[in-house]
Amino acid sequence: MDISIIFKIAGIGLITIVVSQILQHSGKGELATLTNLAGLVLVLAVVLNMIGELFDTIKTMFSLY
């Protein structure tokens, strides 16, 4: 695992929090919720990509395919 992945996830989280707080204080709670969901989807996409790479590594390590 590379340290840049952790920084990428933290960056997505920080940007999501800042935008969400700005929208929340502007009275646009619905958009803030959608922003939080979008950040969650982005982080899940990164994590799923990492899990896919892990399974590929396991397949090649044990010569399963």
N, C-alpha and C. Protein backbone atom coordinates (compact mmCIF):
# COMPACT_ATOMS: atom_id res chain seq x y z
N MET A 1 0.84 -1.18 0.00
CA MET A 1 0.00 0.00 0.00
C MET A 1 0.89 1.24 0.00
N ASP A 2 0.53 2.15 -0.82
CA ASP A 2 1.30 3.37 -0.95
C ASP A 2 0.70 4.46 -0.07
N ILE A 3 1.54 5.32 0.46
CA ILE A 3 1.07 6.38 1.37
C ILE A 3 0.24 7.43 0.62
N SER A 4 0.42 7.53 -0.68
CA SER A 4 -0.33 8.52 -1.45
C SER A 4 -1.83 8.22 -1.47
N ILE A 5 -2.19 6.95 -1.34
CA ILE A 5 -3.61 6.59 -1.27
C ILE A 5 -4.25 7.19 -0.02
N ILE A 6 -3.54 7.14 1.09
CA ILE A 6 -4.06 7.70 2.34
C ILE A 6 -4.22 9.21 2.21
N PHE A 7 -3.24 9.87 1.58
CA PHE A 7 -3.35 11.31 1.38
C PHE A 7 -4.50 11.65 0.44
N LYS A 8 -4.72 10.82 -0.58
CA LYS A 8 -5.82 11.06 -1.51
C LYS A 8 -7.17 10.96 -0.80
N ILE A 9 -7.34 9.93 0.04
CA ILE A 9 -8.59 9.76 0.77
C ILE A 9 -8.78 10.91 1.77
N ALA A 10 -7.71 11.30 2.45
CA ALA A 10 -7.80 12.42 3.39
C ALA A 10 -8.13 13.73 2.67
N GLY A 11 -7.54 13.93 1.50
CA GLY A 11 -7.83 15.14 0.72
C GLY A 11 -9.29 15.20 0.29
N ILE A 12 -9.81 14.07 -0.17
CA ILE A 12 -11.22 14.02 -0.56
C ILE A 12 -12.09 14.33 0.65
N GLY A 13 -11.74 13.78 1.81
CA GLY A 13 -12.51 14.02 3.02
C GLY A 13 -12.48 15.48 3.44
N LEU A 14 -11.30 16.10 3.40
CA LEU A 14 -11.19 17.50 3.80
C LEU A 14 -11.96 18.42 2.87
N ILE A 15 -11.85 18.18 1.57
CA ILE A 15 -12.58 19.01 0.61
C ILE A 15 -14.08 18.84 0.79
N THR A 16 -14.51 17.61 1.03
CA THR A 16 -15.93 17.35 1.25
C THR A 16 -16.43 18.07 2.50
N ILE A 17 -15.65 18.04 3.57
CA ILE A 17 -16.06 18.70 4.81
C ILE A 17 -16.17 20.21 4.62
N VAL A 18 -15.18 20.80 3.95
CA VAL A 18 -15.19 22.25 3.77
C VAL A 18 -16.38 22.68 2.93
N VAL A 19 -16.60 22.00 1.81
CA VAL A 19 -17.72 22.36 0.93
C VAL A 19 -19.05 22.13 1.65
N SER A 20 -19.14 21.05 2.40
CA SER A 20 -20.37 20.76 3.12
C SER A 20 -20.66 21.82 4.18
N GLN A 21 -19.64 22.25 4.90
CA GLN A 21 -19.85 23.27 5.92
C GLN A 21 -20.24 24.61 5.29
N ILE A 22 -19.63 24.95 4.17
CA ILE A 22 -19.99 26.19 3.49
C ILE A 22 -21.45 26.14 3.04
N LEU A 23 -21.86 25.02 2.47
CA LEU A 23 -23.24 24.89 2.02
C LEU A 23 -24.21 24.86 3.20
N GLN A 24 -23.81 24.23 4.29
CA GLN A 24 -24.67 24.15 5.47
C GLN A 24 -24.91 25.54 6.06
N HIS A 25 -23.87 26.36 6.12
CA HIS A 25 -24.02 27.71 6.67
C HIS A 25 -24.74 28.64 5.71
N SER A 26 -24.79 28.27 4.45
CA SER A 26 -25.52 29.07 3.47
C SER A 26 -27.00 28.71 3.44
N GLY A 27 -27.38 27.72 4.21
CA GLY A 27 -28.79 27.32 4.26
C GLY A 27 -29.17 26.31 3.20
N LYS A 28 -28.21 25.65 2.63
CA LYS A 28 -28.48 24.66 1.58
C LYS A 28 -28.10 23.28 2.09
N GLY A 29 -28.89 22.80 3.04
CA GLY A 29 -28.62 21.52 3.68
C GLY A 29 -28.71 20.35 2.74
N GLU A 30 -29.62 20.43 1.76
CA GLU A 30 -29.78 19.33 0.81
C GLU A 30 -28.55 19.15 -0.05
N LEU A 31 -27.99 20.27 -0.49
CA LEU A 31 -26.77 20.19 -1.30
C LEU A 31 -25.58 19.73 -0.46
N ALA A 32 -25.57 20.09 0.81
CA ALA A 32 -24.51 19.63 1.69
C ALA A 32 -24.57 18.12 1.85
N THR A 33 -25.77 17.58 1.97
CA THR A 33 -25.93 16.14 2.07
C THR A 33 -25.49 15.45 0.79
N LEU A 34 -25.84 16.01 -0.35
CA LEU A 34 -25.40 15.44 -1.63
C LEU A 34 -23.89 15.52 -1.78
N THR A 35 -23.29 16.57 -1.27
CA THR A 35 -21.83 16.69 -1.30
C THR A 35 -21.18 15.60 -0.46
N ASN A 36 -21.76 15.34 0.71
CA ASN A 36 -21.23 14.28 1.56
C ASN A 36 -21.36 12.92 0.87
N LEU A 37 -22.48 12.69 0.22
CA LEU A 37 -22.67 11.42 -0.50
C LEU A 37 -21.69 11.29 -1.65
N ALA A 38 -21.44 12.38 -2.36
CA ALA A 38 -20.49 12.34 -3.46
C ALA A 38 -19.08 12.03 -2.96
N GLY A 39 -18.69 12.63 -1.84
CA GLY A 39 -17.39 12.33 -1.26
C GLY A 39 -17.28 10.88 -0.83
N LEU A 40 -18.36 10.34 -0.27
CA LEU A 40 -18.37 8.95 0.14
C LEU A 40 -18.23 8.03 -1.06
N VAL A 41 -18.91 8.34 -2.15
CA VAL A 41 -18.82 7.53 -3.36
C VAL A 41 -17.41 7.56 -3.94
N LEU A 42 -16.78 8.73 -3.92
CA LEU A 42 -15.40 8.83 -4.42
C LEU A 42 -14.44 7.99 -3.59
N VAL A 43 -14.57 8.06 -2.28
CA VAL A 43 -13.69 7.28 -1.41
C VAL A 43 -13.96 5.79 -1.60
N LEU A 44 -15.21 5.40 -1.73
CA LEU A 44 -15.53 3.99 -1.96
C LEU A 44 -14.96 3.50 -3.29
N ALA A 45 -14.95 4.36 -4.31
CA ALA A 45 -14.37 3.98 -5.59
C ALA A 45 -12.87 3.73 -5.45
N VAL A 46 -12.20 4.57 -4.68
CA VAL A 46 -10.76 4.39 -4.46
C VAL A 46 -10.50 3.10 -3.71
N VAL A 47 -11.30 2.84 -2.68
CA VAL A 47 -11.11 1.63 -1.87
C VAL A 47 -11.43 0.38 -2.68
N LEU A 48 -12.47 0.41 -3.48
CA LEU A 48 -12.81 -0.75 -4.32
C LEU A 48 -11.72 -1.03 -5.34
N ASN A 49 -11.10 0.01 -5.87
CA ASN A 49 -9.98 -0.17 -6.79
C ASN A 49 -8.82 -0.85 -6.08
N MET A 50 -8.56 -0.46 -4.84
CA MET A 50 -7.48 -1.08 -4.07
C MET A 50 -7.79 -2.55 -3.78
N ILE A 51 -9.05 -2.85 -3.48
CA ILE A 51 -9.43 -4.23 -3.21
C ILE A 51 -9.30 -5.08 -4.48
N GLY A 52 -9.66 -4.51 -5.62
CA GLY A 52 -9.48 -5.22 -6.88
C GLY A 52 -8.03 -5.53 -7.17
N GLU A 53 -7.15 -4.57 -6.90
CA GLU A 53 -5.72 -4.81 -7.08
C GLU A 53 -5.22 -5.88 -6.12
N LEU A 54 -5.75 -5.90 -4.90
CA LEU A 54 -5.36 -6.92 -3.93
C LEU A 54 -5.73 -8.31 -4.43
N PHE A 55 -6.94 -8.47 -4.95
CA PHE A 55 -7.36 -9.77 -5.46
C PHE A 55 -6.53 -10.19 -6.67
N ASP A 56 -6.18 -9.24 -7.53
CA ASP A 56 -5.31 -9.57 -8.67
C ASP A 56 -3.94 -10.05 -8.19
N THR A 57 -3.41 -9.40 -7.17
CA THR A 57 -2.13 -9.82 -6.62
C THR A 57 -2.20 -11.21 -6.01
N ILE A 58 -3.30 -11.47 -5.31
CA ILE A 58 -3.47 -12.81 -4.71
C ILE A 58 -3.59 -13.87 -5.79
N LYS A 59 -4.32 -13.56 -6.87
CA LYS A 59 -4.45 -14.53 -7.96
C LYS A 59 -3.10 -14.86 -8.58
N THR A 60 -2.28 -13.83 -8.84
CA THR A 60 -0.99 -14.09 -9.44
C THR A 60 -0.03 -14.75 -8.47
N MET A 61 -0.17 -14.44 -7.19
CA MET A 61 0.72 -15.03 -6.19
C MET A 61 0.50 -16.54 -6.05
N PHE A 62 -0.75 -16.94 -6.08
CA PHE A 62 -1.07 -18.36 -5.92
C PHE A 62 -1.34 -19.06 -7.24
N SER A 63 -1.14 -18.38 -8.35
CA SER A 63 -1.36 -18.92 -9.70
C SER A 63 -2.73 -19.57 -9.84
N LEU A 64 -3.75 -18.80 -9.48
CA LEU A 64 -5.11 -19.34 -9.52
C LEU A 64 -5.69 -19.31 -10.93
N TYR A 65 -5.21 -18.42 -11.80
CA TYR A 65 -5.74 -18.36 -13.15
C TYR A 65 -4.62 -18.40 -14.14
